[in-house]
N, C-alpha and C. Protein backbone atom coordinates (compact mmCIF):
# COMPACT_ATOMS: atom_id res chain seq x y z
N UNK A 1 180.94 88.40 73.69
CA UNK A 1 179.63 87.86 74.01
C UNK A 1 179.63 87.22 75.43
N UNK A 2 178.54 87.34 76.10
CA UNK A 2 178.41 86.74 77.40
C UNK A 2 178.53 85.21 77.36
N UNK A 3 179.12 84.66 78.40
CA UNK A 3 179.20 83.22 78.54
C UNK A 3 178.76 82.88 79.97
N UNK A 4 178.19 81.70 80.14
CA UNK A 4 177.86 81.26 81.50
C UNK A 4 178.17 79.77 81.62
N UNK A 5 178.40 79.34 82.83
CA UNK A 5 178.51 77.93 83.19
C UNK A 5 177.37 77.67 84.21
N UNK A 6 176.74 76.56 84.05
CA UNK A 6 175.60 76.25 84.98
C UNK A 6 175.48 74.74 85.18
N UNK A 7 174.80 74.40 86.22
CA UNK A 7 174.43 73.00 86.43
C UNK A 7 172.94 72.94 86.78
N UNK A 8 172.32 71.80 86.49
CA UNK A 8 170.91 71.71 86.75
C UNK A 8 170.52 70.29 87.11
N UNK A 9 169.30 70.18 87.62
CA UNK A 9 168.70 68.92 87.89
C UNK A 9 167.31 68.97 87.23
N UNK A 10 167.07 68.03 86.33
CA UNK A 10 165.83 67.99 85.57
C UNK A 10 164.91 66.90 86.12
N UNK A 11 163.68 67.27 86.52
CA UNK A 11 162.70 66.28 87.04
C UNK A 11 161.37 66.49 86.34
N UNK A 12 160.46 65.56 86.55
CA UNK A 12 159.16 65.61 85.84
C UNK A 12 158.09 66.49 86.49
N UNK A 13 158.16 66.67 87.81
CA UNK A 13 157.07 67.42 88.45
C UNK A 13 157.60 68.62 89.23
N UNK A 14 156.70 69.55 89.41
CA UNK A 14 157.05 70.77 90.16
C UNK A 14 157.27 70.39 91.62
N UNK A 15 156.51 69.40 92.14
CA UNK A 15 156.69 68.97 93.53
C UNK A 15 158.11 68.45 93.76
N UNK A 16 158.59 67.60 92.82
CA UNK A 16 159.95 67.05 92.96
C UNK A 16 160.96 68.18 92.94
N UNK A 17 160.73 69.13 92.05
CA UNK A 17 161.63 70.27 91.91
C UNK A 17 161.66 71.09 93.22
N UNK A 18 160.48 71.39 93.79
CA UNK A 18 160.44 72.15 95.03
C UNK A 18 161.15 71.39 96.18
N UNK A 19 161.00 70.08 96.21
CA UNK A 19 161.65 69.27 97.25
C UNK A 19 163.20 69.33 97.11
N UNK A 20 163.67 69.32 95.89
CA UNK A 20 165.13 69.41 95.66
C UNK A 20 165.66 70.80 96.05
N UNK A 21 164.88 71.85 95.74
CA UNK A 21 165.30 73.19 96.15
C UNK A 21 165.41 73.28 97.69
N UNK A 22 164.39 72.71 98.35
CA UNK A 22 164.42 72.62 99.81
C UNK A 22 165.64 71.90 100.34
N UNK A 23 165.93 70.73 99.70
CA UNK A 23 167.07 69.90 100.12
C UNK A 23 168.40 70.70 99.93
N UNK A 24 168.49 71.42 98.80
CA UNK A 24 169.71 72.19 98.56
C UNK A 24 169.88 73.38 99.50
N UNK A 25 168.72 74.02 99.79
CA UNK A 25 168.81 75.18 100.76
C UNK A 25 169.15 74.64 102.16
N UNK A 26 168.88 73.38 102.44
CA UNK A 26 169.22 72.77 103.72
C UNK A 26 170.63 72.22 103.75
N UNK A 27 171.40 72.47 102.70
CA UNK A 27 172.78 71.99 102.67
C UNK A 27 173.01 70.74 101.85
N UNK A 28 172.04 70.31 101.05
CA UNK A 28 172.23 69.15 100.20
C UNK A 28 173.28 69.35 99.19
N UNK A 29 173.91 68.27 98.75
CA UNK A 29 175.01 68.33 97.75
C UNK A 29 174.41 68.31 96.34
N UNK A 30 174.62 69.37 95.56
CA UNK A 30 174.02 69.55 94.28
C UNK A 30 174.39 68.37 93.36
N UNK A 31 175.67 68.07 93.28
CA UNK A 31 176.12 66.99 92.36
C UNK A 31 175.50 65.65 92.71
N UNK A 32 175.47 65.33 93.99
CA UNK A 32 174.90 64.04 94.44
C UNK A 32 173.40 63.98 94.14
N UNK A 33 172.71 65.11 94.37
CA UNK A 33 171.24 65.11 94.06
C UNK A 33 171.00 65.00 92.56
N UNK A 34 171.87 65.65 91.75
CA UNK A 34 171.74 65.56 90.28
C UNK A 34 171.94 64.12 89.83
N UNK A 35 172.95 63.48 90.38
CA UNK A 35 173.26 62.08 90.01
C UNK A 35 172.07 61.14 90.32
N UNK A 36 171.42 61.40 91.41
CA UNK A 36 170.36 60.47 91.84
C UNK A 36 168.97 60.82 91.33
N UNK A 37 168.73 62.09 90.89
CA UNK A 37 167.37 62.51 90.50
C UNK A 37 167.23 62.99 89.08
N UNK A 38 168.27 63.51 88.46
CA UNK A 38 168.06 64.19 87.17
C UNK A 38 167.78 63.22 86.05
N UNK A 39 166.80 63.63 85.19
CA UNK A 39 166.45 62.90 83.96
C UNK A 39 167.37 63.24 82.82
N UNK A 40 168.18 64.25 82.97
CA UNK A 40 169.09 64.70 81.92
C UNK A 40 170.41 63.92 81.98
N UNK A 41 170.99 63.57 80.82
CA UNK A 41 172.28 62.87 80.81
C UNK A 41 173.40 63.61 81.62
N UNK A 42 173.22 64.93 81.74
CA UNK A 42 174.17 65.71 82.54
C UNK A 42 174.23 65.28 84.01
N UNK A 43 173.18 64.60 84.45
CA UNK A 43 173.14 64.14 85.85
C UNK A 43 174.34 63.34 86.24
N UNK A 44 174.87 62.55 85.29
CA UNK A 44 176.08 61.72 85.53
C UNK A 44 177.28 62.58 85.86
N UNK A 45 177.28 63.84 85.40
CA UNK A 45 178.39 64.77 85.70
C UNK A 45 177.97 65.75 86.79
N UNK A 46 177.05 65.32 87.63
CA UNK A 46 176.59 66.18 88.71
C UNK A 46 175.72 67.36 88.25
N UNK A 47 175.16 67.20 87.02
CA UNK A 47 174.30 68.23 86.46
C UNK A 47 175.02 69.30 85.70
N UNK A 48 176.36 69.19 85.56
CA UNK A 48 177.16 70.21 84.92
C UNK A 48 176.83 70.30 83.44
N UNK A 49 176.49 71.51 82.97
CA UNK A 49 176.21 71.74 81.56
C UNK A 49 177.39 72.38 80.82
N UNK A 50 178.46 72.68 81.52
CA UNK A 50 179.57 73.33 80.92
C UNK A 50 179.28 74.81 80.61
N UNK A 51 179.98 75.35 79.63
CA UNK A 51 179.90 76.76 79.27
C UNK A 51 179.10 76.93 78.01
N UNK A 52 178.27 78.00 77.96
CA UNK A 52 177.47 78.26 76.75
C UNK A 52 177.11 79.72 76.72
N UNK A 53 176.64 80.16 75.56
CA UNK A 53 176.27 81.60 75.36
C UNK A 53 174.77 81.77 75.29
N UNK A 54 174.28 83.00 75.28
CA UNK A 54 172.87 83.27 75.18
C UNK A 54 172.29 82.70 73.92
N UNK A 55 171.08 82.13 74.02
CA UNK A 55 170.40 81.59 72.86
C UNK A 55 170.70 80.11 72.61
N UNK A 56 171.62 79.52 73.36
CA UNK A 56 171.95 78.14 73.15
C UNK A 56 171.05 77.15 73.89
N UNK A 57 170.33 77.67 74.87
CA UNK A 57 169.36 76.85 75.65
C UNK A 57 167.97 77.37 75.38
N UNK A 58 166.96 76.60 75.78
CA UNK A 58 165.58 77.04 75.59
C UNK A 58 165.38 78.34 76.37
N UNK A 59 164.43 79.17 75.93
CA UNK A 59 164.26 80.57 76.41
C UNK A 59 164.14 80.65 77.90
N UNK A 60 163.29 79.81 78.54
CA UNK A 60 163.05 79.93 79.98
C UNK A 60 164.36 79.66 80.75
N UNK A 61 165.10 78.68 80.28
CA UNK A 61 166.39 78.33 80.93
C UNK A 61 167.41 79.48 80.71
N UNK A 62 167.48 79.91 79.43
CA UNK A 62 168.37 80.99 79.06
C UNK A 62 168.12 82.25 79.92
N UNK A 63 166.86 82.66 80.09
CA UNK A 63 166.49 83.81 80.88
C UNK A 63 167.01 83.69 82.30
N UNK A 64 166.81 82.51 82.88
CA UNK A 64 167.24 82.26 84.29
C UNK A 64 168.72 82.33 84.39
N UNK A 65 169.45 81.72 83.45
CA UNK A 65 170.92 81.68 83.51
C UNK A 65 171.54 83.09 83.37
N UNK A 66 171.03 83.86 82.43
CA UNK A 66 171.67 85.14 82.14
C UNK A 66 171.10 86.29 82.96
N UNK A 67 170.06 86.07 83.73
CA UNK A 67 169.49 87.13 84.58
C UNK A 67 169.55 86.82 86.07
N UNK A 68 169.68 85.55 86.43
CA UNK A 68 169.68 85.16 87.85
C UNK A 68 170.98 85.40 88.55
N UNK A 69 170.98 85.36 89.82
CA UNK A 69 172.18 85.56 90.64
C UNK A 69 173.12 84.37 90.55
N UNK A 70 174.40 84.64 90.29
CA UNK A 70 175.40 83.59 90.22
C UNK A 70 175.54 82.94 91.61
N UNK A 71 175.49 81.61 91.59
CA UNK A 71 175.62 80.86 92.83
C UNK A 71 174.31 80.51 93.50
N UNK A 72 173.26 81.24 93.24
CA UNK A 72 171.98 81.03 93.87
C UNK A 72 171.27 79.81 93.22
N UNK A 73 170.54 79.08 94.05
CA UNK A 73 169.74 77.99 93.56
C UNK A 73 168.42 78.56 93.04
N UNK A 74 168.09 78.29 91.78
CA UNK A 74 166.85 78.81 91.19
C UNK A 74 165.92 77.64 90.79
N UNK A 75 164.66 77.79 90.94
CA UNK A 75 163.75 76.80 90.55
C UNK A 75 162.49 76.87 91.33
N UNK A 76 161.39 76.22 90.88
CA UNK A 76 161.38 75.44 89.58
C UNK A 76 161.31 76.35 88.38
N UNK A 77 162.03 75.94 87.33
CA UNK A 77 162.00 76.60 86.05
C UNK A 77 161.39 75.60 85.09
N UNK A 78 160.21 75.91 84.53
CA UNK A 78 159.52 74.96 83.67
C UNK A 78 159.92 75.23 82.22
N UNK A 79 160.28 74.13 81.52
CA UNK A 79 160.55 74.16 80.06
C UNK A 79 159.81 72.99 79.44
N UNK A 80 159.98 72.86 78.16
CA UNK A 80 159.31 71.74 77.43
C UNK A 80 159.87 70.40 77.91
N UNK A 81 161.00 70.40 78.59
CA UNK A 81 161.62 69.14 79.03
C UNK A 81 161.16 68.72 80.44
N UNK A 82 160.63 69.65 81.20
CA UNK A 82 160.19 69.33 82.57
C UNK A 82 160.51 70.51 83.47
N UNK A 83 160.86 70.20 84.73
CA UNK A 83 161.17 71.23 85.74
C UNK A 83 162.65 71.17 86.11
N UNK A 84 163.27 72.31 86.14
CA UNK A 84 164.69 72.41 86.43
C UNK A 84 164.98 73.13 87.74
N UNK A 85 165.93 72.56 88.46
CA UNK A 85 166.62 73.27 89.55
C UNK A 85 167.91 73.74 88.87
N UNK A 86 168.23 74.97 89.00
CA UNK A 86 169.32 75.56 88.26
C UNK A 86 170.28 76.34 89.21
N UNK A 87 171.58 76.19 88.92
CA UNK A 87 172.56 77.02 89.61
C UNK A 87 173.59 77.49 88.60
N UNK A 88 173.71 78.80 88.49
CA UNK A 88 174.74 79.40 87.63
C UNK A 88 176.03 79.36 88.42
N UNK A 89 177.10 78.71 87.91
CA UNK A 89 178.33 78.60 88.60
C UNK A 89 179.30 79.72 88.19
N UNK A 90 179.12 80.29 87.02
CA UNK A 90 180.01 81.36 86.51
C UNK A 90 179.34 82.08 85.37
N UNK A 91 179.62 83.38 85.28
CA UNK A 91 179.07 84.17 84.15
C UNK A 91 179.99 85.30 83.89
N UNK A 92 180.27 85.56 82.59
CA UNK A 92 181.15 86.67 82.22
C UNK A 92 180.47 87.55 81.19
């Protein structure tokens, strides 16, 4: 079964999410931005969600993780929790 590792930053608005994507594309540090902006407890670990398989995350997040380019910054991804900036760090 496929497995992926990813990190994310969860914020409340699409505007915040777009700004973070811009910051990251400009060379911003993902872990530092996650620690200072993410509403998710994973922010304390730089947004790291560890390893997981398909179906373990909400559908919109799952689709982005298992279909998006590894290493690319993706977002905004809207879920029931808010808006995510996502980066897949590994996928097998």
